[in-house]
Protein backbone atom coordinates (compact mmCIF):
# COMPACT_ATOMS: atom_id res chain seq x y z
CA UNK A 1 -0.28 -54.45 91.37
CA UNK A 2 -0.93 -54.44 87.64
CA UNK A 3 2.45 -56.06 86.99
CA UNK A 4 1.77 -58.89 89.42
CA UNK A 5 -1.72 -59.42 87.98
CA UNK A 6 -0.29 -59.54 84.46
CA UNK A 7 2.50 -61.89 85.51
CA UNK A 8 -0.04 -64.13 87.23
CA UNK A 9 -2.22 -64.22 84.11
CA UNK A 10 0.63 -64.91 81.66
CA UNK A 11 2.17 -67.52 83.95
CA UNK A 12 -1.17 -69.32 84.10
CA UNK A 13 -1.51 -69.19 80.31
CA UNK A 14 2.06 -70.46 79.89
CA UNK A 15 1.42 -73.26 82.38
CA UNK A 16 -1.71 -74.32 80.53
CA UNK A 17 0.10 -74.35 77.18
CA UNK A 18 3.10 -76.28 78.46
CA UNK A 19 0.90 -78.85 80.24
CA UNK A 20 -1.04 -79.39 77.03
CA UNK A 21 2.19 -79.78 75.07
CA UNK A 22 3.85 -82.01 77.66
CA UNK A 23 1.01 -84.47 78.15
CA UNK A 24 -1.91 -84.80 75.70
CA UNK A 25 -0.02 -83.48 72.65
CA UNK A 26 3.32 -85.09 73.43
CA UNK A 27 3.00 -87.56 70.57
CA UNK A 28 3.18 -84.68 68.10
CA UNK A 29 6.46 -83.31 69.47
CA UNK A 30 10.04 -84.45 69.09
CA UNK A 31 11.82 -85.42 72.30
CA UNK A 32 13.76 -82.12 72.73
CA UNK A 33 10.49 -80.16 72.57
CA UNK A 34 8.84 -82.51 75.06
CA UNK A 35 11.74 -81.89 77.43
CA UNK A 36 11.33 -78.13 76.98
CA UNK A 37 7.60 -78.44 77.63
CA UNK A 38 8.24 -80.26 80.90
CA UNK A 39 10.83 -77.70 81.97
CA UNK A 40 8.41 -74.92 81.00
CA UNK A 41 5.73 -76.51 83.18
CA UNK A 42 8.04 -76.23 86.19
CA UNK A 43 9.11 -72.67 85.38
CA UNK A 44 5.59 -71.35 84.81
CA UNK A 45 4.41 -72.97 88.05
CA UNK A 46 7.18 -71.09 89.87
CA UNK A 47 6.14 -67.93 88.03
CA UNK A 48 2.59 -68.29 89.35
CA UNK A 49 3.86 -68.61 92.91
CA UNK A 50 6.18 -65.61 92.65
CA UNK A 51 3.50 -63.46 90.98
CA UNK A 52 0.99 -64.41 93.68
CA UNK A 53 3.41 -63.43 96.45
CA UNK A 54 4.09 -60.14 94.63
CA UNK A 55 0.32 -59.57 94.45
CA UNK A 56 -0.04 -60.17 98.19
CA UNK A 57 2.79 -57.71 98.91
CA UNK A 58 1.15 -55.13 96.65
CA UNK A 59 -2.19 -55.54 98.38
CA UNK A 60 -0.58 -55.18 101.80
CA UNK A 61 1.28 -52.02 100.70
CA UNK A 62 -2.03 -50.58 99.48
CA UNK A 63 -3.60 -51.32 102.86
CA UNK A 64 -6.11 -53.77 101.41
CA UNK A 65 -7.06 -57.16 102.79
CA UNK A 66 -4.74 -59.97 101.70
CA UNK A 67 -7.07 -62.88 102.38
């Protein structure tokens, strides 16, 4: 449970950072870094989804409500 919560938190932080780098701050970055920021946005979004599913599985295993 603590791993999934931590992964959810850090994925959200990473998503926020990469969105900021990819869109409002893109003028400050060279093209290769903009590409990495866009790829990072996709990867961190996937990380949020996987961490959330892991959290739901943990809650179910603990016998707690998942909704």
